[in-house]
Structure formats: C-alpha cells, structure tokens
N, C-alpha and C. Protein backbone atom coordinates (compact mmCIF):
# COMPACT_ATOMS: atom_id res chain seq x y z
N MET A 1 -18.40 -28.73 78.83
CA MET A 1 -17.80 -28.17 77.65
C MET A 1 -18.77 -28.33 76.47
N PHE A 2 -18.74 -27.40 75.54
CA PHE A 2 -19.69 -27.35 74.43
C PHE A 2 -19.74 -28.63 73.59
N PRO A 3 -18.61 -29.21 73.14
CA PRO A 3 -18.73 -30.34 72.21
C PRO A 3 -19.25 -31.64 72.82
N ASN A 4 -19.13 -31.82 74.12
CA ASN A 4 -19.49 -33.11 74.72
C ASN A 4 -20.93 -33.54 74.47
N PRO A 5 -21.93 -32.67 74.67
CA PRO A 5 -23.31 -33.10 74.36
C PRO A 5 -23.51 -33.42 72.88
N LEU A 6 -22.82 -32.71 72.01
CA LEU A 6 -22.93 -32.97 70.58
C LEU A 6 -22.34 -34.34 70.25
N LEU A 7 -21.18 -34.62 70.78
CA LEU A 7 -20.54 -35.92 70.56
C LEU A 7 -21.41 -37.04 71.12
N ALA A 8 -21.98 -36.83 72.30
CA ALA A 8 -22.83 -37.85 72.92
C ALA A 8 -24.08 -38.11 72.09
N ASP A 9 -24.50 -37.11 71.30
CA ASP A 9 -25.68 -37.26 70.47
C ASP A 9 -25.34 -37.75 69.06
N GLY A 10 -24.07 -38.07 68.83
CA GLY A 10 -23.66 -38.64 67.55
C GLY A 10 -23.25 -37.65 66.49
N VAL A 11 -23.09 -36.38 66.85
CA VAL A 11 -22.64 -35.38 65.89
C VAL A 11 -21.16 -35.60 65.61
N LEU A 12 -20.79 -35.67 64.33
CA LEU A 12 -19.38 -35.78 63.96
C LEU A 12 -18.79 -34.38 63.98
N LEU A 13 -17.78 -34.19 64.80
CA LEU A 13 -17.16 -32.87 64.88
C LEU A 13 -15.69 -32.99 65.22
N GLU A 14 -14.98 -31.94 64.90
CA GLU A 14 -13.57 -31.80 65.23
C GLU A 14 -13.43 -30.54 66.05
N THR A 15 -12.63 -30.59 67.11
CA THR A 15 -12.43 -29.40 67.91
C THR A 15 -11.23 -28.62 67.40
N PHE A 16 -11.26 -27.34 67.62
CA PHE A 16 -10.18 -26.45 67.20
C PHE A 16 -8.83 -26.95 67.71
N LEU A 17 -8.76 -27.23 69.01
CA LEU A 17 -7.48 -27.59 69.63
C LEU A 17 -6.96 -28.97 69.21
N ALA A 18 -7.79 -29.77 68.59
CA ALA A 18 -7.31 -31.06 68.08
C ALA A 18 -6.47 -30.88 66.82
N HIS A 19 -6.56 -29.69 66.20
CA HIS A 19 -5.86 -29.46 64.94
C HIS A 19 -4.99 -28.21 64.92
N PHE A 20 -5.25 -27.28 65.82
CA PHE A 20 -4.54 -26.01 65.82
C PHE A 20 -4.15 -25.62 67.23
N GLN A 21 -3.09 -24.84 67.33
CA GLN A 21 -2.67 -24.35 68.63
C GLN A 21 -3.53 -23.16 69.02
N SER A 22 -3.73 -22.99 70.32
CA SER A 22 -4.44 -21.83 70.82
C SER A 22 -3.73 -20.58 70.31
N GLY A 23 -4.47 -19.63 69.84
CA GLY A 23 -3.87 -18.40 69.33
C GLY A 23 -3.57 -18.44 67.84
N THR A 24 -3.83 -19.57 67.17
CA THR A 24 -3.62 -19.62 65.72
C THR A 24 -4.53 -18.57 65.08
N PRO A 25 -3.96 -17.71 64.25
CA PRO A 25 -4.79 -16.65 63.65
C PRO A 25 -5.91 -17.23 62.78
N ASP A 26 -7.04 -16.54 62.80
CA ASP A 26 -8.18 -16.97 62.00
C ASP A 26 -7.81 -17.08 60.52
N THR A 27 -6.92 -16.21 60.08
CA THR A 27 -6.51 -16.21 58.67
C THR A 27 -5.71 -17.46 58.29
N GLU A 28 -5.26 -18.23 59.29
CA GLU A 28 -4.57 -19.50 59.02
C GLU A 28 -5.49 -20.69 59.15
N TRP A 29 -6.28 -20.75 60.23
CA TRP A 29 -7.07 -21.97 60.44
C TRP A 29 -8.34 -22.02 59.59
N ILE A 30 -8.93 -20.88 59.27
CA ILE A 30 -10.16 -20.91 58.47
C ILE A 30 -9.92 -21.53 57.09
N PRO A 31 -8.88 -21.12 56.34
CA PRO A 31 -8.64 -21.76 55.05
C PRO A 31 -8.34 -23.26 55.18
N ALA A 32 -7.66 -23.66 56.25
CA ALA A 32 -7.36 -25.08 56.45
C ALA A 32 -8.63 -25.88 56.69
N VAL A 33 -9.54 -25.34 57.47
CA VAL A 33 -10.82 -26.00 57.74
C VAL A 33 -11.66 -26.06 56.45
N ALA A 34 -11.70 -24.95 55.72
CA ALA A 34 -12.46 -24.91 54.46
C ALA A 34 -11.91 -25.91 53.45
N ALA A 35 -10.59 -26.04 53.39
CA ALA A 35 -9.98 -26.98 52.45
C ALA A 35 -10.38 -28.43 52.75
N ARG A 36 -10.68 -28.71 54.01
CA ARG A 36 -11.13 -30.05 54.40
C ARG A 36 -12.63 -30.25 54.17
N GLY A 37 -13.31 -29.19 53.79
CA GLY A 37 -14.75 -29.28 53.57
C GLY A 37 -15.57 -29.28 54.84
N TRP A 38 -14.97 -28.86 55.93
CA TRP A 38 -15.66 -28.82 57.21
C TRP A 38 -16.45 -27.52 57.35
N VAL A 39 -17.45 -27.55 58.21
CA VAL A 39 -18.24 -26.37 58.53
C VAL A 39 -17.72 -25.81 59.85
N VAL A 40 -17.49 -24.52 59.88
CA VAL A 40 -17.05 -23.85 61.11
C VAL A 40 -18.29 -23.55 61.94
N LEU A 41 -18.30 -24.00 63.18
CA LEU A 41 -19.36 -23.70 64.14
C LEU A 41 -18.70 -22.94 65.28
N THR A 42 -19.09 -21.69 65.47
CA THR A 42 -18.42 -20.82 66.43
C THR A 42 -19.43 -19.88 67.08
N ASN A 43 -19.02 -19.23 68.14
CA ASN A 43 -19.85 -18.16 68.72
C ASN A 43 -19.16 -16.81 68.55
N ASP A 44 -18.14 -16.74 67.71
CA ASP A 44 -17.38 -15.53 67.47
C ASP A 44 -18.00 -14.70 66.34
N ALA A 45 -18.94 -13.84 66.68
CA ALA A 45 -19.62 -13.02 65.67
C ALA A 45 -18.70 -11.97 65.05
N ARG A 46 -17.56 -11.72 65.69
CA ARG A 46 -16.63 -10.73 65.13
C ARG A 46 -16.11 -11.15 63.75
N LEU A 47 -16.19 -12.46 63.44
CA LEU A 47 -15.73 -12.92 62.13
C LEU A 47 -16.45 -12.22 60.99
N LYS A 48 -17.70 -11.87 61.20
CA LYS A 48 -18.46 -11.21 60.15
C LYS A 48 -18.03 -9.76 59.97
N TYR A 49 -17.61 -9.12 61.04
CA TYR A 49 -17.38 -7.69 61.01
C TYR A 49 -15.94 -7.29 60.76
N ASN A 50 -15.00 -8.19 60.99
CA ASN A 50 -13.60 -7.89 60.72
C ASN A 50 -13.34 -8.14 59.24
N PRO A 51 -12.98 -7.10 58.48
CA PRO A 51 -12.84 -7.27 57.03
C PRO A 51 -11.81 -8.33 56.62
N ILE A 52 -10.71 -8.44 57.35
CA ILE A 52 -9.69 -9.43 57.00
C ILE A 52 -10.23 -10.84 57.22
N GLU A 53 -10.87 -11.07 58.35
CA GLU A 53 -11.43 -12.40 58.63
C GLU A 53 -12.60 -12.71 57.70
N ARG A 54 -13.45 -11.73 57.47
CA ARG A 54 -14.59 -11.93 56.55
C ARG A 54 -14.08 -12.29 55.15
N ASP A 55 -13.07 -11.57 54.67
CA ASP A 55 -12.52 -11.86 53.34
C ASP A 55 -11.81 -13.20 53.32
N THR A 56 -11.22 -13.60 54.44
CA THR A 56 -10.61 -14.93 54.53
C THR A 56 -11.68 -16.01 54.40
N ILE A 57 -12.78 -15.83 55.08
CA ILE A 57 -13.88 -16.80 55.00
C ILE A 57 -14.37 -16.91 53.56
N MET A 58 -14.66 -15.79 52.96
CA MET A 58 -15.23 -15.79 51.62
C MET A 58 -14.20 -16.25 50.59
N GLY A 59 -12.96 -15.81 50.73
CA GLY A 59 -11.92 -16.17 49.78
C GLY A 59 -11.49 -17.62 49.85
N SER A 60 -11.69 -18.25 51.00
CA SER A 60 -11.29 -19.66 51.15
C SER A 60 -12.48 -20.60 50.96
N ASN A 61 -13.64 -20.04 50.61
CA ASN A 61 -14.83 -20.85 50.35
C ASN A 61 -15.31 -21.58 51.61
N ALA A 62 -15.24 -20.89 52.74
CA ALA A 62 -15.61 -21.50 54.02
C ALA A 62 -17.11 -21.40 54.28
N ALA A 63 -17.62 -22.37 55.01
CA ALA A 63 -19.00 -22.37 55.50
C ALA A 63 -18.92 -22.11 57.00
N VAL A 64 -19.44 -20.98 57.44
CA VAL A 64 -19.34 -20.57 58.85
C VAL A 64 -20.73 -20.37 59.42
N ILE A 65 -21.00 -21.04 60.54
CA ILE A 65 -22.25 -20.85 61.27
C ILE A 65 -21.90 -20.31 62.64
N ILE A 66 -22.44 -19.14 62.94
CA ILE A 66 -22.17 -18.48 64.22
C ILE A 66 -23.38 -18.68 65.13
N LEU A 67 -23.14 -19.21 66.30
CA LEU A 67 -24.21 -19.42 67.28
C LEU A 67 -24.62 -18.09 67.89
N ALA A 68 -25.91 -17.92 68.12
CA ALA A 68 -26.42 -16.70 68.72
C ALA A 68 -25.76 -16.43 70.07
N ALA A 69 -25.59 -15.16 70.36
CA ALA A 69 -24.90 -14.74 71.59
C ALA A 69 -25.83 -14.81 72.79
N GLY A 70 -25.19 -14.80 73.97
CA GLY A 70 -25.94 -14.70 75.21
C GLY A 70 -26.32 -16.02 75.84
N TYR A 71 -25.76 -17.11 75.36
CA TYR A 71 -26.09 -18.43 75.89
C TYR A 71 -24.86 -19.07 76.54
N THR A 72 -25.09 -19.92 77.52
CA THR A 72 -24.01 -20.70 78.12
C THR A 72 -23.62 -21.81 77.14
N HIS A 73 -22.50 -22.44 77.37
CA HIS A 73 -22.09 -23.57 76.51
C HIS A 73 -23.13 -24.68 76.47
N PRO A 74 -23.68 -25.11 77.62
CA PRO A 74 -24.74 -26.13 77.55
C PRO A 74 -25.96 -25.67 76.76
N GLU A 75 -26.33 -24.39 76.91
CA GLU A 75 -27.47 -23.87 76.15
C GLU A 75 -27.17 -23.83 74.66
N MET A 76 -25.94 -23.47 74.28
CA MET A 76 -25.56 -23.46 72.87
C MET A 76 -25.60 -24.87 72.30
N ALA A 77 -25.13 -25.84 73.05
CA ALA A 77 -25.18 -27.22 72.59
C ALA A 77 -26.61 -27.67 72.39
N GLU A 78 -27.48 -27.36 73.35
CA GLU A 78 -28.89 -27.73 73.24
C GLU A 78 -29.54 -27.03 72.06
N MET A 79 -29.18 -25.76 71.84
CA MET A 79 -29.73 -25.00 70.71
C MET A 79 -29.33 -25.66 69.39
N PHE A 80 -28.05 -26.03 69.28
CA PHE A 80 -27.60 -26.68 68.04
C PHE A 80 -28.30 -28.01 67.83
N LEU A 81 -28.38 -28.81 68.86
CA LEU A 81 -29.01 -30.13 68.72
C LEU A 81 -30.49 -30.00 68.33
N SER A 82 -31.18 -29.03 68.91
CA SER A 82 -32.60 -28.88 68.58
C SER A 82 -32.79 -28.31 67.17
N ALA A 83 -31.78 -27.62 66.64
CA ALA A 83 -31.87 -27.03 65.31
C ALA A 83 -31.09 -27.82 64.26
N ARG A 84 -30.62 -28.99 64.62
CA ARG A 84 -29.76 -29.76 63.71
C ARG A 84 -30.41 -29.97 62.35
N ARG A 85 -31.68 -30.30 62.32
CA ARG A 85 -32.37 -30.53 61.04
C ARG A 85 -32.37 -29.25 60.19
N LEU A 86 -32.59 -28.10 60.83
CA LEU A 86 -32.54 -26.82 60.12
C LEU A 86 -31.16 -26.55 59.55
N VAL A 87 -30.13 -26.87 60.34
CA VAL A 87 -28.75 -26.66 59.89
C VAL A 87 -28.46 -27.54 58.68
N LEU A 88 -28.83 -28.81 58.74
CA LEU A 88 -28.58 -29.73 57.63
C LEU A 88 -29.32 -29.28 56.37
N GLU A 89 -30.54 -28.82 56.53
CA GLU A 89 -31.31 -28.33 55.39
C GLU A 89 -30.65 -27.07 54.81
N PHE A 90 -30.20 -26.18 55.68
CA PHE A 90 -29.52 -24.97 55.23
C PHE A 90 -28.27 -25.32 54.43
N LEU A 91 -27.48 -26.26 54.95
CA LEU A 91 -26.25 -26.67 54.27
C LEU A 91 -26.56 -27.32 52.92
N ARG A 92 -27.66 -28.00 52.83
CA ARG A 92 -28.04 -28.66 51.58
C ARG A 92 -28.38 -27.61 50.50
N TYR A 93 -28.94 -26.48 50.90
CA TYR A 93 -29.40 -25.49 49.93
C TYR A 93 -28.46 -24.30 49.71
N HIS A 94 -27.42 -24.20 50.53
CA HIS A 94 -26.52 -23.05 50.41
C HIS A 94 -25.08 -23.53 50.25
N GLU A 95 -24.49 -23.19 49.12
CA GLU A 95 -23.10 -23.53 48.86
C GLU A 95 -22.18 -22.52 49.54
N PRO A 96 -21.05 -22.97 50.06
CA PRO A 96 -20.07 -22.03 50.59
C PRO A 96 -19.51 -21.17 49.45
N PRO A 97 -18.99 -20.03 49.75
CA PRO A 97 -18.78 -19.50 51.09
C PRO A 97 -20.01 -18.77 51.61
N PHE A 98 -20.14 -18.80 52.94
CA PHE A 98 -21.19 -18.03 53.59
C PHE A 98 -20.88 -17.90 55.07
N ILE A 99 -21.54 -16.91 55.66
CA ILE A 99 -21.58 -16.75 57.12
C ILE A 99 -23.05 -16.72 57.47
N ALA A 100 -23.47 -17.63 58.34
CA ALA A 100 -24.85 -17.71 58.78
C ALA A 100 -24.90 -17.62 60.30
N ARG A 101 -26.06 -17.24 60.82
CA ARG A 101 -26.25 -17.13 62.27
C ARG A 101 -27.33 -18.12 62.69
N LEU A 102 -27.02 -18.94 63.69
CA LEU A 102 -27.98 -19.91 64.22
C LEU A 102 -28.61 -19.36 65.48
N TYR A 103 -29.93 -19.23 65.42
CA TYR A 103 -30.72 -18.82 66.57
C TYR A 103 -31.44 -20.06 67.10
N ARG A 104 -32.18 -19.89 68.15
CA ARG A 104 -32.83 -21.04 68.78
C ARG A 104 -33.74 -21.80 67.82
N ASN A 105 -34.51 -21.12 67.00
CA ASN A 105 -35.47 -21.80 66.12
C ASN A 105 -35.26 -21.52 64.64
N ARG A 106 -34.17 -20.88 64.28
CA ARG A 106 -33.96 -20.56 62.88
C ARG A 106 -32.48 -20.33 62.59
N ILE A 107 -32.17 -20.39 61.31
CA ILE A 107 -30.82 -20.07 60.86
C ILE A 107 -30.97 -19.01 59.78
N LYS A 108 -30.14 -17.98 59.85
CA LYS A 108 -30.27 -16.83 58.95
C LYS A 108 -28.95 -16.59 58.22
N MET A 109 -29.04 -16.41 56.91
CA MET A 109 -27.85 -16.07 56.13
C MET A 109 -27.42 -14.66 56.50
N TRP A 110 -26.16 -14.50 56.86
CA TRP A 110 -25.62 -13.18 57.15
C TRP A 110 -24.87 -12.63 55.96
N LEU A 111 -24.11 -13.51 55.29
CA LEU A 111 -23.33 -13.07 54.14
C LEU A 111 -23.12 -14.25 53.21
N SER A 112 -23.47 -14.08 51.95
CA SER A 112 -23.26 -15.11 50.94
C SER A 112 -22.28 -14.59 49.90
N ARG A 113 -21.85 -15.48 49.02
CA ARG A 113 -20.94 -15.09 47.94
C ARG A 113 -21.56 -13.94 47.12
N ASP A 114 -22.86 -14.04 46.87
CA ASP A 114 -23.53 -13.02 46.05
C ASP A 114 -23.54 -11.66 46.72
N ASP A 115 -23.52 -11.60 48.04
CA ASP A 115 -23.58 -10.34 48.76
C ASP A 115 -22.20 -9.78 49.13
N TRP A 116 -21.17 -10.56 48.94
CA TRP A 116 -19.81 -10.18 49.36
C TRP A 116 -19.13 -9.31 48.32
N THR A 117 -18.55 -8.23 48.80
CA THR A 117 -17.71 -7.40 47.94
C THR A 117 -16.36 -7.27 48.62
N PRO A 118 -15.32 -7.83 48.00
CA PRO A 118 -13.98 -7.79 48.63
C PRO A 118 -13.42 -6.38 48.71
C-alpha cells in the first residue's frame, strides 16, 4: 500500500480513510483537510480539470500535490521519498491555495491563486 513506505521512512501523514468514509465527495473532504493545514497528496489529476473540485481547492485555501500518472503504488512512494526535499522546498516558497504536480525529479505548479479565475 502507498503510505506504508512513507510511514516507515518517518513521513507524518494521515490517510483518507482514517478521517473520511469511502465515497465522501471531494467538495466535503478537501475543505476539511485544508482547514487542518494539511497538504493533499493524491494521484487524482482530475481535481485540476473538474471546475467544481478545482474551485473547492482554491476557495478552501488547499495545498494539493498530484503524483505523476503511470506509476505503481510502490513506485509513487519511492518517487515521493526521493523528491521529499523538493516538496518541502516547494511548500516553503508557495502559499496555498495551489495545485502542483510531482514528477520523478521535479515539482511543477499547475495552478496558483494568481492564475485562478473562479
């Protein structure tokens, strides 16, 4: 499972199912996560393209990092762990709300407050 290698490496994280029921709409859990000051780490790139979900992210001041597609869960975990320093640096320099994409060797801003038009 994806979170296990991260937990074993000392990453502090919360899983979706520890706080929300399966099927909880994105428009409900994203604002709750943002209110806690947590960063969303997901592989659901549709969040950027669905206007309701995108506006929920931006309107709730959420920080969302989407993992690059095409990788297995173990590969995604390894990608995150190898890019952890990049992620921390990105978070230090970019205030929420934003949607960013994490690739194997880089993190790219997809949408920032300055670029968002509701």
